[in-house]
Structure formats: C-alpha cells, structure tokens
Amino acid sequence: MVDERNNWLDVVEGRRNFRTQGYYCTIQPASGQTKRGITHEEARACERAFFTNFPPWSTADQRRFGTNNLIPVLGQLLVQVISKSYVTSFAAYLSMTLPFS
C-alpha cells in the first residue's frame, strides 16, 4: 500500500508521467456525505485534514493537493482558452470586414 501511495506521489510531484500542467489530487465527498448534505466548506476541511495528516501526502509539497489549490489553476487555463478563442474569432471577423488591398 505504501509503494502504491509513493507511486502516486511520484506522478503528482512530476517525477513520473510528466505533463505540462502537472497533476493535482483532490478528495471529493462520498455519496453518503453528499446525501447527508455535507457543505462545500466541510468537504474542503476534510480534504485538508487528509492531505495534512496522512503520509506520504502530509510530507509532500501541498501546492498540488486540494480543490482550493486546483481552482485558481483551472481559472487561469480557462482565461487563456477564452482569450485565445476571442483573439482568433476577432481576427477572423476583421479579415471578413476590413478591405485589404
């Protein structure tokens, strides 16, 4: 079990299966917790407790663990995708409307 956890830690920390954006680990509520009405804040508290109290996660760089660390990264990626799409669309619009001679 420890070897399996360490293998995942190698992936998350970029030592194996490297990806440009890297990997993030999150823990989402179990279906029973969701049915009981766990709040977003409670779910994030459980997630933080897990990653800070259980090795090997607790001994690793915490920036790659937790939903709250993932959200800003996804937000930045979304802004990049939207910006790229807007620039491409705007350039296409200009090429159709402006006379070039």
Protein backbone atom coordinates (compact mmCIF):
# COMPACT_ATOMS: atom_id res chain seq x y z
CA MET A 1 0.00 0.00 0.00
CA VAL A 2 2.84 2.41 0.83
CA ASP A 3 4.52 1.67 -2.53
CA GLU A 4 1.27 2.45 -4.35
CA ARG A 5 0.95 5.76 -2.50
CA ASN A 6 4.55 6.64 -3.26
CA ASN A 7 3.97 5.82 -6.95
CA TRP A 8 1.08 8.31 -6.99
CA LEU A 9 3.21 10.85 -5.18
CA ASP A 10 5.86 10.49 -7.91
CA VAL A 11 3.18 11.30 -10.51
CA VAL A 12 1.78 14.28 -8.63
CA GLU A 13 5.22 15.73 -7.98
CA GLY A 14 6.23 15.33 -11.63
CA ARG A 15 8.83 12.58 -11.32
CA ARG A 16 6.74 10.18 -13.44
CA ASN A 17 4.24 10.69 -16.26
CA PHE A 18 5.21 14.35 -16.59
CA ARG A 19 2.57 16.71 -18.00
CA THR A 20 2.98 20.41 -18.79
CA GLN A 21 0.23 21.44 -16.38
CA GLY A 22 1.09 18.73 -13.87
CA TYR A 23 -1.34 16.76 -11.75
CA TYR A 24 -3.45 17.71 -8.77
CA CYS A 25 -5.02 15.44 -6.16
CA THR A 26 -8.40 16.24 -4.70
CA ILE A 27 -10.78 14.37 -2.45
CA GLN A 28 -14.47 14.74 -3.08
CA PRO A 29 -17.24 13.76 -0.65
CA ALA A 30 -18.52 10.20 -0.73
CA SER A 31 -22.09 9.73 -1.91
CA GLY A 32 -23.23 9.18 1.69
CA GLN A 33 -21.74 12.50 2.75
CA THR A 34 -23.41 14.22 -0.19
CA LYS A 35 -26.77 12.68 0.70
CA ARG A 36 -26.36 13.90 4.27
CA GLY A 37 -25.78 17.41 2.94
CA ILE A 38 -22.08 17.99 3.55
CA THR A 39 -21.27 21.62 2.79
CA HIS A 40 -18.52 22.77 0.48
CA GLU A 41 -16.61 24.14 3.48
CA GLU A 42 -16.89 20.83 5.37
CA ALA A 43 -15.74 18.89 2.32
CA ARG A 44 -12.70 21.13 1.88
CA ALA A 45 -11.89 20.82 5.61
CA CYS A 46 -11.98 17.00 5.33
CA GLU A 47 -9.79 17.20 2.24
CA ARG A 48 -7.23 19.44 4.00
CA ALA A 49 -7.21 17.17 7.05
CA PHE A 50 -6.49 14.13 4.89
CA PHE A 51 -3.64 15.70 2.94
CA THR A 52 -2.01 17.25 6.02
CA ASN A 53 -2.32 14.26 8.37
CA PHE A 54 -1.64 11.12 6.31
CA PRO A 55 1.77 10.21 4.88
CA PRO A 56 3.03 10.28 2.23
CA TRP A 57 0.69 13.15 1.32
CA SER A 58 1.42 15.09 4.50
CA THR A 59 5.16 15.13 3.76
CA ALA A 60 4.77 16.28 0.15
CA ASP A 61 4.52 19.72 -1.40
CA GLN A 62 0.96 20.74 -0.52
CA ARG A 63 0.53 23.02 -3.56
CA ARG A 64 -0.61 20.05 -5.68
CA PHE A 65 -3.21 18.83 -3.19
CA GLY A 66 -6.74 20.01 -2.65
CA THR A 67 -9.58 21.55 -4.58
CA ASN A 68 -8.69 25.03 -3.34
CA ASN A 69 -5.26 24.74 -4.98
CA LEU A 70 -6.73 23.43 -8.23
CA ILE A 71 -9.42 26.09 -8.71
CA PRO A 72 -7.09 29.06 -9.47
CA VAL A 73 -5.07 26.97 -11.92
CA LEU A 74 -8.20 25.92 -13.79
CA GLY A 75 -9.35 29.55 -13.76
CA GLN A 76 -6.10 30.68 -15.36
CA LEU A 77 -6.34 27.97 -18.01
CA LEU A 78 -9.92 28.96 -18.76
CA VAL A 79 -8.89 32.60 -19.20
CA GLN A 80 -6.15 31.51 -21.61
CA VAL A 81 -8.56 29.40 -23.66
CA ILE A 82 -11.16 32.17 -23.79
CA SER A 83 -8.53 34.78 -24.71
CA LYS A 84 -7.12 32.61 -27.48
CA SER A 85 -10.61 31.91 -28.80
CA TYR A 86 -11.51 35.61 -28.67
CA VAL A 87 -8.34 36.66 -30.50
CA THR A 88 -8.90 34.02 -33.18
CA SER A 89 -12.55 34.98 -33.58
CA PHE A 90 -11.76 38.69 -33.65
CA ALA A 91 -9.02 38.18 -36.25
CA ALA A 92 -11.45 36.18 -38.40
CA TYR A 93 -14.04 38.93 -38.03
CA LEU A 94 -11.55 41.59 -39.07
CA SER A 95 -10.44 39.62 -42.09
CA MET A 96 -14.07 39.41 -43.27
CA THR A 97 -14.97 43.06 -42.65
CA LEU A 98 -11.89 45.12 -43.46
CA PRO A 99 -10.88 45.60 -47.08
CA PHE A 100 -7.25 44.72 -47.70
CA SER A 101 -5.91 46.00 -50.97
